[in-house]
Amino acid sequence: MTVMGFFRDISPIRAVGDLKTYWFDQQDHKWRFLFAALAATTTIFSAFISESGFEVQWKRPEITWVTSFEPGRSDDQIAAENVANQAENDRIEAEWLAKEEERKAQYRRLAEQFGMDTE
């Protein structure tokens, strides 16, 4: 079947007629379920809309600037502080790597206890 043959068999008038036949046959429970679904949808959307807070006015945020450097530092002071900070960062990274290696060793021991191959 070609695409045009498929669309030739589709008719909006027949679709509306089928929908009308489906909804108006002798089954009243369809109407009850339709109204229940509409009520639930309306309730949920009204809750979202009432809680959305459209009425709140925008307020400029309060910014607190924190300065941690002295404004008149020399280049030697900056370089010395950078060296000290790098040493601190290296110490922290070494501690982290040691903890990571210990954690890996623990997992290797656990795997060996359960007979798993870790290689």
N, C-alpha and C. Protein backbone atom coordinates (compact mmCIF):
# COMPACT_ATOMS: atom_id res chain seq x y z
N MET A 1 0.86 -1.18 0.00
CA MET A 1 0.00 0.00 0.00
C MET A 1 0.89 1.23 0.00
N THR A 2 0.61 2.13 -0.84
CA THR A 2 1.40 3.36 -0.92
C THR A 2 0.92 4.35 0.13
N VAL A 3 1.71 5.39 0.33
CA VAL A 3 1.36 6.41 1.31
C VAL A 3 0.07 7.12 0.91
N MET A 4 -0.05 7.41 -0.36
CA MET A 4 -1.25 8.11 -0.82
C MET A 4 -2.48 7.23 -0.67
N GLY A 5 -2.32 5.92 -0.89
CA GLY A 5 -3.44 5.01 -0.69
C GLY A 5 -3.86 4.95 0.77
N PHE A 6 -2.87 5.06 1.67
CA PHE A 6 -3.19 5.06 3.09
C PHE A 6 -4.00 6.31 3.47
N PHE A 7 -3.56 7.47 3.02
CA PHE A 7 -4.25 8.70 3.38
C PHE A 7 -5.59 8.85 2.65
N ARG A 8 -5.77 8.13 1.54
CA ARG A 8 -7.03 8.20 0.82
C ARG A 8 -8.15 7.55 1.65
N ASP A 9 -7.79 6.54 2.45
CA ASP A 9 -8.78 5.84 3.25
C ASP A 9 -9.10 6.57 4.55
N ILE A 10 -8.38 7.63 4.87
CA ILE A 10 -8.62 8.38 6.10
C ILE A 10 -9.52 9.57 5.77
N SER A 11 -10.61 9.67 6.53
CA SER A 11 -11.55 10.76 6.31
C SER A 11 -11.93 11.35 7.67
N PRO A 12 -11.77 12.65 7.86
CA PRO A 12 -12.16 13.26 9.14
C PRO A 12 -13.65 13.10 9.42
N ILE A 13 -14.46 13.10 8.39
CA ILE A 13 -15.91 12.95 8.60
C ILE A 13 -16.22 11.56 9.13
N ARG A 14 -15.57 10.53 8.54
CA ARG A 14 -15.78 9.18 9.05
C ARG A 14 -15.23 9.02 10.46
N ALA A 15 -14.11 9.70 10.76
CA ALA A 15 -13.53 9.61 12.10
C ALA A 15 -14.47 10.21 13.13
N VAL A 16 -15.08 11.35 12.84
CA VAL A 16 -16.05 11.96 13.75
C VAL A 16 -17.26 11.06 13.90
N GLY A 17 -17.69 10.46 12.82
CA GLY A 17 -18.83 9.53 12.88
C GLY A 17 -18.52 8.32 13.74
N ASP A 18 -17.31 7.77 13.61
CA ASP A 18 -16.91 6.63 14.45
C ASP A 18 -16.85 7.02 15.91
N LEU A 19 -16.32 8.22 16.20
CA LEU A 19 -16.26 8.68 17.58
C LEU A 19 -17.65 8.85 18.16
N LYS A 20 -18.54 9.41 17.37
CA LYS A 20 -19.93 9.60 17.81
C LYS A 20 -20.59 8.25 18.07
N THR A 21 -20.39 7.30 17.18
CA THR A 21 -20.96 5.97 17.38
C THR A 21 -20.39 5.31 18.63
N TYR A 22 -19.10 5.47 18.86
CA TYR A 22 -18.47 4.87 20.02
C TYR A 22 -19.00 5.46 21.32
N TRP A 23 -19.14 6.79 21.38
CA TRP A 23 -19.54 7.43 22.63
C TRP A 23 -21.04 7.35 22.90
N PHE A 24 -21.83 7.23 21.87
CA PHE A 24 -23.27 7.27 22.11
C PHE A 24 -23.92 5.90 22.05
N ASP A 25 -23.14 4.83 22.08
CA ASP A 25 -23.82 3.55 22.20
C ASP A 25 -24.29 3.37 23.63
N GLN A 26 -24.91 2.31 23.96
CA GLN A 26 -25.64 2.16 25.22
C GLN A 26 -24.74 1.84 26.41
N GLN A 27 -23.64 2.52 26.56
CA GLN A 27 -22.74 2.27 27.69
C GLN A 27 -22.54 3.57 28.46
N ASP A 28 -23.26 3.71 29.57
CA ASP A 28 -23.22 4.94 30.36
C ASP A 28 -21.92 5.09 31.16
N HIS A 29 -21.22 3.99 31.40
CA HIS A 29 -20.02 4.10 32.23
C HIS A 29 -18.94 4.94 31.54
N LYS A 30 -18.96 5.05 30.23
CA LYS A 30 -17.98 5.86 29.52
C LYS A 30 -18.09 7.32 29.93
N TRP A 31 -19.31 7.81 30.10
CA TRP A 31 -19.50 9.20 30.49
C TRP A 31 -18.99 9.43 31.90
N ARG A 32 -19.23 8.47 32.80
CA ARG A 32 -18.75 8.63 34.18
C ARG A 32 -17.22 8.69 34.21
N PHE A 33 -16.58 7.80 33.45
CA PHE A 33 -15.12 7.81 33.42
C PHE A 33 -14.59 9.08 32.76
N LEU A 34 -15.27 9.58 31.75
CA LEU A 34 -14.86 10.82 31.11
C LEU A 34 -14.92 11.98 32.10
N PHE A 35 -16.02 12.09 32.84
CA PHE A 35 -16.16 13.18 33.81
C PHE A 35 -15.16 13.02 34.96
N ALA A 36 -14.90 11.77 35.39
CA ALA A 36 -13.91 11.56 36.46
C ALA A 36 -12.52 11.97 35.99
N ALA A 37 -12.18 11.63 34.74
CA ALA A 37 -10.87 12.00 34.20
C ALA A 37 -10.75 13.51 34.07
N LEU A 38 -11.81 14.16 33.60
CA LEU A 38 -11.78 15.62 33.48
C LEU A 38 -11.67 16.29 34.84
N ALA A 39 -12.38 15.75 35.84
CA ALA A 39 -12.31 16.33 37.19
C ALA A 39 -10.91 16.18 37.77
N ALA A 40 -10.31 15.01 37.59
CA ALA A 40 -8.96 14.79 38.12
C ALA A 40 -7.95 15.71 37.43
N THR A 41 -8.06 15.82 36.12
CA THR A 41 -7.15 16.69 35.37
C THR A 41 -7.32 18.14 35.79
N THR A 42 -8.56 18.58 35.92
CA THR A 42 -8.83 19.96 36.33
C THR A 42 -8.28 20.22 37.72
N THR A 43 -8.45 19.27 38.63
CA THR A 43 -7.95 19.43 40.00
C THR A 43 -6.43 19.56 40.01
N ILE A 44 -5.76 18.71 39.27
CA ILE A 44 -4.29 18.74 39.26
C ILE A 44 -3.78 20.04 38.65
N PHE A 45 -4.35 20.44 37.52
CA PHE A 45 -3.89 21.68 36.89
C PHE A 45 -4.21 22.90 37.75
N SER A 46 -5.37 22.92 38.42
CA SER A 46 -5.68 24.06 39.27
C SER A 46 -4.74 24.13 40.46
N ALA A 47 -4.33 22.96 40.98
CA ALA A 47 -3.36 22.96 42.08
C ALA A 47 -2.02 23.52 41.61
N PHE A 48 -1.58 23.11 40.42
CA PHE A 48 -0.32 23.64 39.89
C PHE A 48 -0.40 25.14 39.67
N ILE A 49 -1.50 25.61 39.12
CA ILE A 49 -1.63 27.03 38.82
C ILE A 49 -1.71 27.85 40.11
N SER A 50 -2.43 27.33 41.12
CA SER A 50 -2.55 28.10 42.36
C SER A 50 -1.22 28.13 43.12
N GLU A 51 -0.38 27.11 42.97
CA GLU A 51 0.90 27.06 43.67
C GLU A 51 2.04 27.67 42.85
N SER A 52 1.76 28.13 41.66
CA SER A 52 2.84 28.59 40.79
C SER A 52 3.45 29.90 41.25
N GLY A 53 2.73 30.73 41.97
CA GLY A 53 3.29 31.97 42.51
C GLY A 53 3.54 33.02 41.47
N PHE A 54 2.62 33.19 40.55
CA PHE A 54 2.79 34.23 39.54
C PHE A 54 2.78 35.63 40.14
N GLU A 55 2.17 35.79 41.32
CA GLU A 55 2.00 37.12 41.88
C GLU A 55 3.25 37.63 42.60
N VAL A 56 4.29 36.83 42.73
CA VAL A 56 5.49 37.22 43.45
C VAL A 56 6.28 38.20 42.60
N GLN A 57 6.65 39.32 43.19
CA GLN A 57 7.44 40.33 42.50
C GLN A 57 8.92 39.95 42.55
N TRP A 58 9.64 40.25 41.48
CA TRP A 58 11.07 39.97 41.44
C TRP A 58 11.79 40.94 42.34
N LYS A 59 12.74 40.42 43.11
CA LYS A 59 13.52 41.25 44.01
C LYS A 59 14.99 41.07 43.68
N ARG A 60 15.71 42.17 43.63
CA ARG A 60 17.14 42.12 43.31
C ARG A 60 17.85 41.32 44.41
N PRO A 61 18.70 40.38 44.01
CA PRO A 61 19.40 39.58 45.02
C PRO A 61 20.42 40.42 45.79
N GLU A 62 20.61 40.06 47.03
CA GLU A 62 21.60 40.76 47.85
C GLU A 62 22.94 40.06 47.66
N ILE A 63 23.95 40.80 47.24
CA ILE A 63 25.26 40.24 46.97
C ILE A 63 26.22 40.71 48.05
N THR A 64 26.91 39.77 48.66
CA THR A 64 27.92 40.09 49.66
C THR A 64 29.28 39.74 49.06
N TRP A 65 30.09 40.74 48.86
CA TRP A 65 31.41 40.53 48.27
C TRP A 65 32.40 40.20 49.38
N VAL A 66 33.15 39.14 49.19
CA VAL A 66 34.15 38.72 50.17
C VAL A 66 35.53 38.90 49.54
N THR A 67 36.34 39.68 50.18
CA THR A 67 37.70 39.85 49.68
C THR A 67 38.64 39.11 50.62
N SER A 68 39.49 38.28 50.06
CA SER A 68 40.40 37.51 50.91
C SER A 68 41.87 37.85 50.65
N PHE A 69 42.13 38.79 49.75
CA PHE A 69 43.50 39.18 49.46
C PHE A 69 43.70 40.64 49.83
N GLU A 70 44.88 40.90 50.33
CA GLU A 70 45.22 42.29 50.61
C GLU A 70 45.45 43.00 49.28
N PRO A 71 44.93 44.20 49.13
CA PRO A 71 45.04 44.86 47.82
C PRO A 71 46.46 45.27 47.45
N GLY A 72 47.34 45.49 48.41
CA GLY A 72 48.67 46.00 48.07
C GLY A 72 49.76 44.95 48.15
N ARG A 73 49.49 43.71 47.79
CA ARG A 73 50.51 42.65 47.89
C ARG A 73 51.54 42.80 46.78
N SER A 74 52.77 42.43 47.12
CA SER A 74 53.83 42.47 46.10
C SER A 74 53.83 41.13 45.35
N ASP A 75 54.57 41.11 44.24
CA ASP A 75 54.65 39.88 43.45
C ASP A 75 55.33 38.76 44.23
N ASP A 76 56.31 39.11 45.07
CA ASP A 76 56.99 38.09 45.88
C ASP A 76 56.04 37.47 46.90
N GLN A 77 55.18 38.29 47.50
CA GLN A 77 54.20 37.76 48.45
C GLN A 77 53.20 36.84 47.74
N ILE A 78 52.79 37.24 46.56
CA ILE A 78 51.84 36.42 45.80
C ILE A 78 52.49 35.09 45.44
N ALA A 79 53.75 35.12 44.97
CA ALA A 79 54.45 33.89 44.60
C ALA A 79 54.64 32.98 45.81
N ALA A 80 55.00 33.55 46.97
CA ALA A 80 55.18 32.74 48.18
C ALA A 80 53.86 32.11 48.60
N GLU A 81 52.77 32.87 48.50
CA GLU A 81 51.46 32.32 48.86
C GLU A 81 51.05 31.22 47.88
N ASN A 82 51.36 31.38 46.59
CA ASN A 82 51.04 30.35 45.62
C ASN A 82 51.82 29.06 45.89
N VAL A 83 53.10 29.20 46.27
CA VAL A 83 53.92 28.01 46.60
C VAL A 83 53.32 27.31 47.81
N ALA A 84 52.93 28.06 48.84
CA ALA A 84 52.34 27.46 50.04
C ALA A 84 51.01 26.78 49.71
N ASN A 85 50.20 27.43 48.89
CA ASN A 85 48.93 26.83 48.51
C ASN A 85 49.12 25.56 47.69
N GLN A 86 50.14 25.56 46.79
CA GLN A 86 50.40 24.37 45.98
C GLN A 86 50.88 23.23 46.88
N ALA A 87 51.70 23.53 47.87
CA ALA A 87 52.15 22.49 48.80
C ALA A 87 50.96 21.91 49.56
N GLU A 88 50.04 22.75 49.98
CA GLU A 88 48.84 22.29 50.68
C GLU A 88 47.99 21.42 49.76
N ASN A 89 47.82 21.85 48.51
CA ASN A 89 47.04 21.06 47.55
C ASN A 89 47.70 19.71 47.27
N ASP A 90 49.02 19.70 47.18
CA ASP A 90 49.74 18.43 46.97
C ASP A 90 49.55 17.51 48.16
N ARG A 91 49.60 18.03 49.38
CA ARG A 91 49.39 17.22 50.58
C ARG A 91 47.99 16.63 50.59
N ILE A 92 46.98 17.46 50.25
CA ILE A 92 45.59 16.99 50.24
C ILE A 92 45.41 15.90 49.18
N GLU A 93 46.02 16.11 48.01
CA GLU A 93 45.89 15.11 46.94
C GLU A 93 46.60 13.82 47.31
N ALA A 94 47.74 13.91 47.98
CA ALA A 94 48.45 12.70 48.41
C ALA A 94 47.62 11.93 49.42
N GLU A 95 46.97 12.62 50.34
CA GLU A 95 46.09 11.95 51.30
C GLU A 95 44.93 11.27 50.58
N TRP A 96 44.37 11.96 49.59
CA TRP A 96 43.25 11.39 48.87
C TRP A 96 43.67 10.14 48.09
N LEU A 97 44.85 10.21 47.45
CA LEU A 97 45.34 9.06 46.71
C LEU A 97 45.64 7.89 47.64
N ALA A 98 46.18 8.17 48.83
CA ALA A 98 46.45 7.10 49.79
C ALA A 98 45.15 6.44 50.23
N LYS A 99 44.12 7.25 50.50
CA LYS A 99 42.82 6.68 50.87
C LYS A 99 42.23 5.86 49.73
N GLU A 100 42.41 6.34 48.51
CA GLU A 100 41.89 5.63 47.33
C GLU A 100 42.60 4.28 47.17
N GLU A 101 43.92 4.27 47.35
CA GLU A 101 44.66 3.02 47.25
C GLU A 101 44.24 2.06 48.36
N GLU A 102 44.03 2.55 49.56
CA GLU A 102 43.57 1.71 50.66
C GLU A 102 42.19 1.12 50.35
N ARG A 103 41.31 1.93 49.78
CA ARG A 103 39.98 1.46 49.41
C ARG A 103 40.07 0.37 48.34
N LYS A 104 40.95 0.57 47.35
CA LYS A 104 41.14 -0.45 46.31
C LYS A 104 41.68 -1.74 46.93
N ALA A 105 42.61 -1.60 47.86
CA ALA A 105 43.16 -2.78 48.52
C ALA A 105 42.08 -3.52 49.30
N GLN A 106 41.21 -2.79 49.95
CA GLN A 106 40.11 -3.43 50.67
C GLN A 106 39.21 -4.20 49.73
N TYR A 107 38.91 -3.62 48.58
CA TYR A 107 38.06 -4.31 47.60
C TYR A 107 38.78 -5.54 47.03
N ARG A 108 40.10 -5.42 46.83
CA ARG A 108 40.85 -6.60 46.35
C ARG A 108 40.81 -7.72 47.38
N ARG A 109 41.00 -7.39 48.67
CA ARG A 109 40.93 -8.40 49.72
C ARG A 109 39.54 -9.03 49.78
N LEU A 110 38.51 -8.20 49.64
CA LEU A 110 37.14 -8.71 49.65
C LEU A 110 36.90 -9.64 48.46
N ALA A 111 37.40 -9.26 47.30
CA ALA A 111 37.24 -10.10 46.11
C ALA A 111 37.97 -11.43 46.28
N GLU A 112 39.17 -11.39 46.89
CA GLU A 112 39.91 -12.62 47.12
C GLU A 112 39.17 -13.53 48.10
N GLN A 113 38.51 -12.95 49.11
CA GLN A 113 37.76 -13.75 50.06
C GLN A 113 36.59 -14.47 49.38
N PHE A 114 36.02 -13.85 48.38
CA PHE A 114 34.90 -14.47 47.66
C PHE A 114 35.37 -15.28 46.46
N GLY A 115 36.68 -15.36 46.25
CA GLY A 115 37.22 -16.18 45.18
C GLY A 115 37.11 -15.53 43.81
N MET A 116 37.04 -14.22 43.77
CA MET A 116 36.97 -13.54 42.47
C MET A 116 38.36 -13.20 41.97
N ASP A 117 38.51 -13.18 40.64
CA ASP A 117 39.77 -12.80 40.03
C ASP A 117 39.79 -11.29 39.88
N THR A 118 40.80 -10.63 40.44
CA THR A 118 40.85 -9.17 40.41
C THR A 118 41.75 -8.65 39.30
N GLU A 119 42.39 -9.54 38.57
CA GLU A 119 43.29 -9.11 37.50
C GLU A 119 42.57 -9.08 36.20
